[in-house]
Amino acid sequence: MRVSAPFATRRFLILFLLGSWPLVLSLMIPELLPLGLGFDGFLLLLFLSDWVAAPGPRQLRVEREVDRVWFQGSERLVTLRIQNRAAASCVIELEDRLPSRLEASGATAIVRMSGGARLETSYRARAMYRGVDQWHGIALRVRGPLGLGGKSWLVVDDRPCQVLPEARVSGRLPLGTTGPVRRRRATSPRIPERGDFDRLREYALGDDPRIIDWKASARRAHLVTRQYACPRRERVVMAIDCGRWMAAPSGDFTRLDRAVGAAAALATAAIGRGDRVGLVAFDREVRATRALGQGRAHLRSLIDDLTALASAPCESSNESALVATARLVPRRALLVWFTDLTDSRQAARLAASLRPWHRRFLPICVCCEDEQVRQWAEAEPSFIRDVYRRVVAGDVLDEQERARRHLERSRVLTVFARADQLSRQLLDLYTRVKRQALL
């Protein structure tokens, strides 16, 4: 922490201006000059004594309690703990300097503390932008007992702050990213991962007792076990459009933020099921790639790649992304294409680009619906402008529906959903693809 120069309060400035009037009037009445100089000198002595009496960095201790990792769109509690080791009471002005990726309305506070007291103050901050940043310290201004001046300094606390994509589904944390890990008591060994139910068969020596079907065993008067199909290990490639259309707003965030959150949820679920997952991010050119992989280390690398993605003010090239994806995946794979389609012409161009690659990929097109347009289309009009707005919004939704149907006729699976349902519907479709072995 470092101490800055003394600061003057508003009370001191008002008194100093009042004391300057005798100096101004002394130009006409010289007898007022000693009075003005005496008043201002006495005021300066009071200011210096107030500055000396104000507690400094050695008497005041401030600590911040905050999480290092945030999810985009989530709100967290930031707590500031203050300890006054001085004997005198004081008034403290606090300003917590947040990272540029967070927003908060209560990061400043004015508290009064008695000597030897401890105090906690807290506020809520919201993560708005993905990426890595750091905190910028806590600025303090401590007034003296007279309220004329005080000391100010900055408590250096430059701990890192990382904002990850929002990968929660139905309010639950995805597998393995971040969040508190609660230790559970040791239980019996887990049943190995298995696929869908296949058939019933007679019990054989060495079968796990947990897969015995007790109802079927009671009906047949002998032990019967459930047999499951072996799960398939699929290859999943996520292609994320980072062009200018993905910079369009979607609520408090952008279309790219929504796509990145759904991609993080899909990567978490797929790696949790043993699939190999890769990534291609593109706009006019291919901006980032991540080869197929699995495991928690690979998932962390994917999350870091997704966190760093940003939109570019240019048109996207589907062909270059498909060529890069084909080089990345030599065999047939599930291709999840995150983009924004506003009309059937864009859907036709995408379908034409994907058509030569149907033997190599099973494509899924994922688009986030515009919530504001949906609200305009469903709202009851009150004025003439509301009628026009509703008609235009209805036309936009109809055009998006035609785009979705065009893709489905071109053998492209689609997910067109609201922002709060995008990850859920994508995971449901991914589960159906695995269950029905569409690859």
Protein backbone atom coordinates (compact mmCIF):
# COMPACT_ATOMS: atom_id res chain seq x y z
CA MET A 1 0.00 0.00 0.00
CA ARG A 2 1.18 3.53 -0.68
CA VAL A 3 0.23 6.84 1.01
CA SER A 4 -0.82 9.78 -1.14
CA ALA A 5 -0.88 13.49 -0.32
CA PRO A 6 -3.32 14.80 2.30
CA PHE A 7 -6.79 15.67 1.05
CA ALA A 8 -9.12 18.48 2.10
CA THR A 9 -12.80 17.95 2.78
CA ARG A 10 -15.69 20.12 1.64
CA ARG A 11 -15.95 21.59 5.14
CA PHE A 12 -12.38 22.89 4.94
CA LEU A 13 -12.95 24.42 1.50
CA ILE A 14 -16.09 26.24 2.66
CA LEU A 15 -14.29 27.65 5.72
CA PHE A 16 -11.32 28.64 3.60
CA LEU A 17 -13.56 30.54 1.18
CA LEU A 18 -15.24 32.31 4.06
CA GLY A 19 -11.86 33.26 5.46
CA SER A 20 -10.76 34.67 2.10
CA TRP A 21 -13.33 37.47 2.27
CA PRO A 22 -11.34 39.54 4.80
CA LEU A 23 -8.34 39.25 2.48
CA VAL A 24 -10.39 40.54 -0.45
CA LEU A 25 -11.89 43.35 1.62
CA SER A 26 -8.42 44.28 2.91
CA LEU A 27 -7.75 45.84 -0.49
CA MET A 28 -10.22 48.54 0.52
CA ILE A 29 -9.92 48.25 4.30
CA PRO A 30 -6.30 47.43 5.20
CA GLU A 31 -7.21 46.85 8.85
CA LEU A 32 -8.88 43.52 7.84
CA LEU A 33 -5.65 41.99 6.54
CA PRO A 34 -4.39 40.69 9.92
CA LEU A 35 -7.82 39.21 10.63
CA GLY A 36 -7.88 37.32 7.32
CA LEU A 37 -4.33 36.05 7.66
CA GLY A 38 -4.94 34.95 11.24
CA PHE A 39 -8.11 33.10 10.36
CA ASP A 40 -6.54 31.27 7.40
CA GLY A 41 -3.41 30.42 9.40
CA PHE A 42 -5.46 29.04 12.26
CA LEU A 43 -7.52 27.05 9.75
CA LEU A 44 -4.37 25.56 8.21
CA LEU A 45 -3.12 24.55 11.67
CA LEU A 46 -6.41 22.80 12.33
CA PHE A 47 -6.17 21.05 8.97
CA LEU A 48 -2.64 19.80 9.71
CA SER A 49 -3.65 18.56 13.15
CA ASP A 50 -6.64 16.81 11.64
CA TRP A 51 -4.42 15.14 9.05
CA VAL A 52 -1.98 13.96 11.74
CA ALA A 53 -4.81 12.60 13.92
CA ALA A 54 -6.43 10.63 11.08
CA PRO A 55 -5.58 6.88 11.19
CA GLY A 56 -3.08 5.79 8.55
CA PRO A 57 -2.26 2.53 6.78
CA ARG A 58 -0.70 1.07 9.93
CA GLN A 59 -3.86 1.62 11.99
CA LEU A 60 -6.41 0.53 9.36
CA ARG A 61 -6.38 -2.90 7.80
CA VAL A 62 -8.62 -3.69 4.82
CA GLU A 63 -9.06 -7.11 3.18
CA ARG A 64 -11.18 -8.20 0.24
CA GLU A 65 -12.90 -11.59 0.06
CA VAL A 66 -13.91 -12.53 -3.47
CA ASP A 67 -13.91 -15.53 -5.79
CA ARG A 68 -11.18 -15.81 -8.38
CA VAL A 69 -13.31 -17.52 -11.06
CA TRP A 70 -16.66 -16.14 -12.23
CA PHE A 71 -19.25 -17.24 -14.75
CA GLN A 72 -20.49 -14.76 -17.30
CA GLY A 73 -23.84 -13.37 -16.20
CA SER A 74 -23.50 -14.60 -12.62
CA GLU A 75 -23.66 -12.37 -9.56
CA ARG A 76 -21.30 -12.83 -6.65
CA LEU A 77 -20.90 -11.21 -3.26
CA VAL A 78 -17.76 -9.12 -2.67
CA THR A 79 -16.95 -8.57 1.01
CA LEU A 80 -14.59 -5.93 2.44
CA ARG A 81 -13.34 -6.45 6.01
CA ILE A 82 -12.04 -3.39 7.89
CA GLN A 83 -10.20 -3.31 11.23
CA ASN A 84 -9.49 -0.04 13.02
CA ARG A 85 -6.50 -0.49 15.32
CA ALA A 86 -6.45 3.18 16.34
CA ALA A 87 -8.03 4.41 19.58
CA ALA A 88 -9.98 7.24 17.94
CA SER A 89 -13.07 6.92 15.80
CA CYS A 90 -12.97 7.93 12.15
CA VAL A 91 -15.02 8.19 8.96
CA ILE A 92 -13.79 6.07 6.03
CA GLU A 93 -14.65 6.45 2.36
CA LEU A 94 -14.05 3.22 0.43
CA GLU A 95 -13.91 2.65 -3.30
CA ASP A 96 -13.30 -0.87 -4.54
CA ARG A 97 -11.79 -0.71 -8.02
CA LEU A 98 -13.26 -3.56 -10.01
CA PRO A 99 -11.86 -5.32 -13.07
CA SER A 100 -13.22 -4.02 -16.35
CA ARG A 101 -15.09 -7.30 -16.90
CA LEU A 102 -17.29 -6.82 -13.82
CA GLU A 103 -20.04 -4.33 -13.09
CA ALA A 104 -21.38 -3.23 -9.70
CA SER A 105 -23.38 -0.36 -8.28
CA GLY A 106 -22.34 -0.54 -4.60
CA ALA A 107 -18.55 -0.58 -4.87
CA THR A 108 -18.28 2.70 -2.91
CA ALA A 109 -19.26 3.18 0.71
CA ILE A 110 -18.88 5.63 3.62
CA VAL A 111 -18.62 4.03 7.06
CA ARG A 112 -18.02 5.39 10.57
CA MET A 113 -15.86 3.26 12.83
CA SER A 114 -15.04 3.59 16.50
CA GLY A 115 -11.61 2.84 17.90
CA GLY A 116 -10.60 -0.84 17.90
CA ALA A 117 -13.72 -1.90 15.96
CA ARG A 118 -14.12 -4.41 13.14
CA LEU A 119 -16.57 -3.94 10.28
CA GLU A 120 -17.74 -5.79 7.20
CA THR A 121 -19.35 -4.21 4.17
CA SER A 122 -20.39 -6.05 1.03
CA TYR A 123 -21.88 -5.46 -2.39
CA ARG A 124 -22.93 -7.58 -5.36
CA ALA A 125 -21.01 -7.59 -8.64
CA ARG A 126 -21.98 -9.15 -11.95
CA ALA A 127 -19.64 -10.68 -14.53
CA MET A 128 -20.40 -9.14 -17.92
CA TYR A 129 -17.49 -9.92 -20.23
CA ARG A 130 -15.45 -13.09 -20.76
CA GLY A 131 -11.69 -13.07 -20.28
CA VAL A 132 -8.89 -12.70 -17.76
CA ASP A 133 -8.41 -9.49 -15.79
CA GLN A 134 -7.25 -8.37 -12.35
CA TRP A 135 -8.53 -6.29 -9.46
CA HIS A 136 -7.12 -2.79 -9.09
CA GLY A 137 -6.93 -2.28 -5.35
CA ILE A 138 -9.06 -0.51 -2.74
CA ALA A 139 -8.92 3.29 -2.46
CA LEU A 140 -9.41 4.70 1.07
CA ARG A 141 -9.97 8.26 2.28
CA VAL A 142 -9.91 8.56 6.08
CA ARG A 143 -11.16 11.80 7.61
CA GLY A 144 -9.76 13.27 10.79
CA PRO A 145 -11.86 13.92 13.94
CA LEU A 146 -12.57 17.55 12.92
CA GLY A 147 -13.67 16.62 9.41
CA LEU A 148 -11.32 19.16 7.77
CA GLY A 149 -8.85 16.79 6.14
CA GLY A 150 -7.43 13.32 6.26
CA LYS A 151 -5.25 10.70 4.63
CA SER A 152 -5.82 8.73 1.46
CA TRP A 153 -4.01 5.69 0.16
CA LEU A 154 -4.49 2.66 -2.06
CA VAL A 155 -4.50 -0.88 -0.70
CA VAL A 156 -2.86 -2.88 -3.48
CA ASP A 157 -4.75 -6.10 -4.18
CA ASP A 158 -4.11 -7.11 -7.79
CA ARG A 159 -5.35 -10.69 -7.56
CA PRO A 160 -6.46 -12.18 -10.91
CA CYS A 161 -10.09 -12.42 -12.00
CA GLN A 162 -11.23 -14.86 -14.67
CA VAL A 163 -14.69 -14.77 -16.25
CA LEU A 164 -15.60 -18.10 -17.89
CA PRO A 165 -18.49 -18.79 -20.27
CA GLU A 166 -21.82 -19.49 -18.62
CA ALA A 167 -22.02 -23.30 -18.97
CA ARG A 168 -24.75 -24.03 -16.42
CA VAL A 169 -27.78 -26.04 -17.43
CA SER A 170 -30.90 -25.67 -15.28
CA GLY A 171 -28.87 -23.90 -12.62
CA ARG A 172 -26.37 -26.73 -12.13
CA LEU A 173 -22.64 -26.53 -12.61
CA PRO A 174 -21.20 -28.53 -15.50
CA LEU A 175 -18.71 -31.28 -15.02
CA GLY A 176 -15.26 -30.38 -13.92
CA THR A 177 -14.93 -26.65 -14.67
CA THR A 178 -14.99 -24.70 -11.42
CA GLY A 179 -17.04 -24.31 -8.30
CA PRO A 180 -16.87 -25.74 -4.83
CA VAL A 181 -16.16 -29.44 -4.58
CA ARG A 182 -17.80 -31.13 -1.65
CA ARG A 183 -16.15 -34.23 -0.35
CA ARG A 184 -18.50 -37.14 0.11
CA ARG A 185 -18.10 -40.11 2.32
CA ALA A 186 -16.58 -43.16 0.72
CA THR A 187 -19.16 -45.41 -0.88
CA SER A 188 -19.09 -48.64 -2.80
CA PRO A 189 -17.28 -48.67 -6.15
CA ARG A 190 -19.18 -47.01 -8.97
CA ILE A 191 -20.82 -49.05 -11.67
CA PRO A 192 -18.74 -48.77 -14.84
CA GLU A 193 -20.15 -46.45 -17.48
CA ARG A 194 -22.63 -48.24 -19.70
CA GLY A 195 -24.88 -47.48 -22.62
CA ASP A 196 -28.61 -48.02 -23.11
CA PHE A 197 -30.43 -51.10 -21.88
CA ASP A 198 -30.06 -54.04 -24.30
CA ARG A 199 -31.75 -57.16 -22.84
CA LEU A 200 -32.18 -59.43 -19.82
CA ARG A 201 -30.06 -62.54 -19.30
CA GLU A 202 -29.46 -65.14 -16.64
CA TYR A 203 -27.13 -64.29 -13.80
CA ALA A 204 -23.52 -65.46 -14.26
CA LEU A 205 -20.90 -65.86 -11.58
CA GLY A 206 -19.01 -62.59 -11.11
CA ASP A 207 -21.83 -60.27 -12.26
CA ASP A 208 -22.19 -57.04 -10.32
CA PRO A 209 -25.09 -57.45 -7.85
CA ARG A 210 -26.23 -53.91 -8.61
CA ILE A 211 -27.32 -54.85 -12.14
CA ILE A 212 -29.59 -57.68 -10.97
CA ASP A 213 -33.21 -57.10 -11.97
CA TRP A 214 -34.98 -58.22 -8.80
CA LYS A 215 -38.51 -57.93 -10.18
CA ALA A 216 -37.69 -60.11 -13.19
CA SER A 217 -35.83 -62.53 -10.90
CA ALA A 218 -38.91 -62.88 -8.69
CA ARG A 219 -41.13 -63.62 -11.67
CA ARG A 220 -38.74 -66.25 -13.10
CA ALA A 221 -37.68 -67.77 -9.76
CA HIS A 222 -33.97 -67.35 -10.59
CA LEU A 223 -31.54 -64.47 -10.78
CA VAL A 224 -31.73 -62.28 -13.88
CA THR A 225 -29.39 -59.42 -14.72
CA ARG A 226 -29.69 -56.45 -17.04
CA GLN A 227 -27.32 -56.30 -19.98
CA TYR A 228 -26.38 -52.93 -21.48
CA ALA A 229 -25.02 -52.00 -24.86
CA CYS A 230 -21.46 -50.72 -24.94
CA PRO A 231 -21.40 -46.91 -25.18
CA ARG A 232 -20.02 -45.40 -28.38
CA ARG A 233 -17.15 -42.95 -28.18
CA GLU A 234 -18.04 -40.23 -30.64
CA ARG A 235 -16.08 -37.36 -32.14
CA VAL A 236 -17.63 -33.92 -31.63
CA VAL A 237 -16.38 -30.76 -33.35
CA MET A 238 -17.73 -27.34 -32.41
CA ALA A 239 -17.50 -24.67 -35.13
CA ILE A 240 -18.24 -21.18 -33.77
CA ASP A 241 -18.94 -18.26 -36.06
CA CYS A 242 -17.19 -15.10 -34.77
CA GLY A 243 -18.31 -12.79 -37.57
CA ARG A 244 -20.15 -9.50 -37.31
CA TRP A 245 -23.60 -11.06 -37.03
CA MET A 246 -22.60 -12.71 -33.76
CA ALA A 247 -21.96 -9.29 -32.20
CA ALA A 248 -25.71 -8.57 -32.19
CA PRO A 249 -27.16 -8.14 -28.68
CA SER A 250 -29.07 -10.91 -26.96
CA GLY A 251 -30.38 -9.55 -23.69
CA ASP A 252 -27.44 -8.21 -21.67
CA PHE A 253 -24.94 -10.15 -23.78
CA THR A 254 -24.19 -10.90 -27.43
CA ARG A 255 -25.07 -13.81 -29.69
CA LEU A 256 -21.46 -14.93 -29.46
CA ASP A 257 -21.67 -15.02 -25.66
CA ARG A 258 -24.77 -17.24 -25.88
CA ALA A 259 -23.07 -19.53 -28.39
CA VAL A 260 -19.92 -19.79 -26.27
CA GLY A 261 -21.99 -20.70 -23.20
CA ALA A 262 -23.86 -23.44 -25.08
CA ALA A 263 -20.58 -24.73 -26.53
CA ALA A 264 -19.04 -24.92 -23.05
CA ALA A 265 -22.04 -26.89 -21.79
CA LEU A 266 -21.83 -29.28 -24.76
CA ALA A 267 -18.07 -29.80 -24.33
CA THR A 268 -18.57 -30.53 -20.64
CA ALA A 269 -21.32 -33.07 -21.28
CA ALA A 270 -19.53 -34.75 -24.19
CA ILE A 271 -16.20 -35.12 -22.39
CA GLY A 272 -18.08 -36.35 -19.33
CA ARG A 273 -19.46 -39.18 -21.48
CA GLY A 274 -16.05 -40.07 -22.87
CA ASP A 275 -16.39 -38.41 -26.29
CA ARG A 276 -13.52 -36.61 -27.98
CA VAL A 277 -14.21 -32.91 -28.54
CA GLY A 278 -12.51 -30.36 -30.80
CA LEU A 279 -12.99 -26.68 -31.62
CA VAL A 280 -12.82 -24.42 -34.68
CA ALA A 281 -13.46 -20.66 -34.33
CA PHE A 282 -13.68 -18.60 -37.51
CA ASP A 283 -14.78 -15.37 -39.11
CA ARG A 284 -13.22 -14.43 -42.45
CA GLU A 285 -10.37 -16.72 -41.50
CA VAL A 286 -9.88 -19.51 -38.99
CA ARG A 287 -9.01 -17.84 -35.69
CA ALA A 288 -8.55 -20.76 -33.30
CA THR A 289 -8.47 -24.54 -33.43
CA ARG A 290 -8.24 -27.24 -30.81
CA ALA A 291 -7.60 -30.85 -31.81
CA LEU A 292 -9.83 -33.67 -30.63
CA GLY A 293 -9.21 -34.72 -27.07
CA GLN A 294 -10.80 -35.86 -23.85
CA GLY A 295 -10.28 -35.61 -20.13
CA ARG A 296 -10.40 -32.77 -17.65
CA ALA A 297 -7.16 -31.19 -18.84
CA HIS A 298 -8.51 -31.00 -22.38
CA LEU A 299 -11.78 -29.57 -21.08
CA ARG A 300 -9.91 -26.78 -19.28
CA SER A 301 -8.04 -25.99 -22.50
CA LEU A 302 -11.33 -25.83 -24.40
CA ILE A 303 -12.86 -23.52 -21.80
CA ASP A 304 -9.82 -21.23 -22.03
CA ASP A 305 -10.13 -21.14 -25.83
CA LEU A 306 -13.84 -20.34 -25.62
CA THR A 307 -13.21 -17.62 -23.04
CA ALA A 308 -10.82 -15.80 -25.38
CA LEU A 309 -13.18 -15.68 -28.39
CA ALA A 310 -14.34 -12.27 -29.64
CA SER A 311 -16.41 -11.19 -32.61
CA ALA A 312 -14.86 -9.42 -35.62
CA PRO A 313 -16.49 -6.76 -37.86
CA CYS A 314 -16.38 -8.88 -41.03
CA GLU A 315 -18.33 -11.52 -42.92
CA SER A 316 -17.65 -15.15 -42.05
CA SER A 317 -16.37 -17.75 -44.49
CA ASN A 318 -18.07 -21.12 -44.05
CA GLU A 319 -15.84 -22.81 -46.63
CA SER A 320 -12.57 -22.02 -44.85
CA ALA A 321 -14.01 -23.26 -41.56
CA LEU A 322 -15.14 -26.54 -43.15
CA VAL A 323 -11.74 -27.13 -44.74
CA ALA A 324 -10.03 -26.55 -41.38
CA THR A 325 -12.52 -28.86 -39.66
CA ALA A 326 -11.89 -31.62 -42.21
CA ARG A 327 -8.15 -31.38 -41.55
CA LEU A 328 -8.79 -31.51 -37.84
CA VAL A 329 -11.05 -34.59 -37.96
CA PRO A 330 -10.04 -37.33 -40.40
CA ARG A 331 -13.09 -39.52 -39.74
CA ARG A 332 -16.85 -39.04 -39.47
CA ALA A 333 -17.86 -36.76 -36.59
CA LEU A 334 -20.68 -34.70 -35.18
CA LEU A 335 -20.31 -31.10 -36.38
CA VAL A 336 -22.07 -28.51 -34.18
CA TRP A 337 -22.25 -25.22 -36.07
CA PHE A 338 -22.93 -22.12 -33.93
CA THR A 339 -24.05 -19.17 -36.02
CA ASP A 340 -26.80 -16.59 -36.48
CA LEU A 341 -29.32 -16.94 -39.32
CA THR A 342 -31.74 -14.11 -39.94
CA ASP A 343 -33.29 -15.24 -43.25
CA SER A 344 -33.62 -18.19 -45.60
CA ARG A 345 -30.89 -16.88 -47.93
CA GLN A 346 -28.27 -17.28 -45.23
CA ALA A 347 -29.63 -20.74 -44.49
CA ALA A 348 -29.39 -21.65 -48.17
CA ARG A 349 -25.74 -20.55 -48.31
CA LEU A 350 -24.94 -22.58 -45.18
CA ALA A 351 -26.76 -25.65 -46.49
CA ALA A 352 -24.90 -25.38 -49.80
CA SER A 353 -21.59 -25.19 -47.95
CA LEU A 354 -22.40 -28.23 -45.81
CA ARG A 355 -23.82 -30.39 -48.62
CA PRO A 356 -20.46 -31.76 -49.92
CA TRP A 357 -19.46 -32.73 -46.37
CA HIS A 358 -22.42 -34.87 -45.34
CA ARG A 359 -20.42 -38.09 -45.61
CA ARG A 360 -17.81 -36.69 -43.27
CA PHE A 361 -20.03 -34.84 -40.76
CA LEU A 362 -23.45 -35.01 -39.19
CA PRO A 363 -24.22 -31.26 -38.94
CA ILE A 364 -26.21 -29.51 -36.22
CA CYS A 365 -26.96 -25.81 -36.67
CA VAL A 366 -27.41 -23.90 -33.40
CA CYS A 367 -28.97 -20.40 -33.38
CA CYS A 368 -30.15 -18.19 -30.54
CA GLU A 369 -33.52 -16.51 -30.99
CA ASP A 370 -33.88 -12.80 -30.38
CA GLU A 371 -35.89 -12.43 -27.15
CA GLN A 372 -36.77 -8.81 -27.88
CA VAL A 373 -38.22 -9.68 -31.28
CA ARG A 374 -40.25 -12.47 -29.69
CA GLN A 375 -41.64 -10.06 -27.09
CA TRP A 376 -42.58 -7.52 -29.77
CA ALA A 377 -44.37 -10.20 -31.79
CA GLU A 378 -46.39 -11.42 -28.79
CA ALA A 379 -47.16 -8.03 -27.16
CA GLU A 380 -50.59 -6.46 -27.53
CA PRO A 381 -50.26 -3.16 -29.46
CA SER A 382 -51.29 0.04 -27.70
CA PHE A 383 -50.21 2.60 -30.32
CA ILE A 384 -49.75 2.68 -34.08
CA ARG A 385 -46.00 2.20 -33.78
CA ASP A 386 -46.62 -0.96 -31.71
CA VAL A 387 -48.69 -2.36 -34.58
CA TYR A 388 -45.85 -1.78 -37.07
CA ARG A 389 -43.35 -3.23 -34.62
CA ARG A 390 -45.46 -6.35 -34.12
CA VAL A 391 -45.87 -6.87 -37.87
CA VAL A 392 -42.14 -6.52 -38.52
CA ALA A 393 -41.27 -8.80 -35.61
CA GLY A 394 -43.69 -11.43 -36.92
CA ASP A 395 -42.07 -11.25 -40.35
CA VAL A 396 -38.62 -11.75 -38.79
CA LEU A 397 -39.79 -14.82 -36.86
CA ASP A 398 -41.45 -16.27 -39.96
CA GLU A 399 -38.23 -15.78 -41.92
CA GLN A 400 -36.24 -17.57 -39.22
CA GLU A 401 -38.74 -20.42 -39.30
CA ARG A 402 -38.30 -20.71 -43.08
CA ALA A 403 -34.54 -20.79 -42.56
CA ARG A 404 -34.88 -23.61 -40.04
CA ARG A 405 -37.11 -25.65 -42.37
CA HIS A 406 -34.71 -25.14 -45.25
CA LEU A 407 -31.85 -26.53 -43.18
CA GLU A 408 -33.88 -29.52 -42.06
CA ARG A 409 -34.82 -30.30 -45.66
CA SER A 410 -31.08 -30.23 -46.40
CA ARG A 411 -30.44 -32.92 -43.75
CA VAL A 412 -29.11 -30.50 -41.16
CA LEU A 413 -30.32 -30.91 -37.59
CA THR A 414 -31.28 -27.62 -35.97
CA VAL A 415 -31.57 -25.99 -32.56
CA PHE A 416 -33.39 -22.63 -32.62
CA ALA A 417 -34.12 -21.64 -29.03
CA ARG A 418 -34.26 -18.75 -26.59
CA ALA A 419 -31.12 -17.88 -24.69
CA ASP A 420 -32.25 -19.56 -21.46
CA GLN A 421 -33.17 -22.78 -23.32
CA LEU A 422 -30.31 -22.96 -25.83
CA SER A 423 -27.96 -25.20 -23.83
CA ARG A 424 -30.75 -27.51 -22.67
CA GLN A 425 -32.16 -28.11 -26.14
CA LEU A 426 -28.69 -28.61 -27.60
CA LEU A 427 -27.84 -31.24 -24.97
CA ASP A 428 -31.17 -32.97 -25.56
CA LEU A 429 -30.41 -33.23 -29.28
CA TYR A 430 -26.86 -34.42 -28.58
CA THR A 431 -28.26 -37.14 -26.29
CA ARG A 432 -30.75 -38.21 -28.98
CA VAL A 433 -27.94 -38.44 -31.56
CA LYS A 434 -25.98 -40.75 -29.29
CA ARG A 435 -28.98 -42.81 -28.22
CA GLN A 436 -30.15 -43.40 -31.78
CA ALA A 437 -26.58 -43.84 -33.11
CA LEU A 438 -27.21 -41.33 -35.91
CA LEU A 439 -23.50 -41.09 -36.60
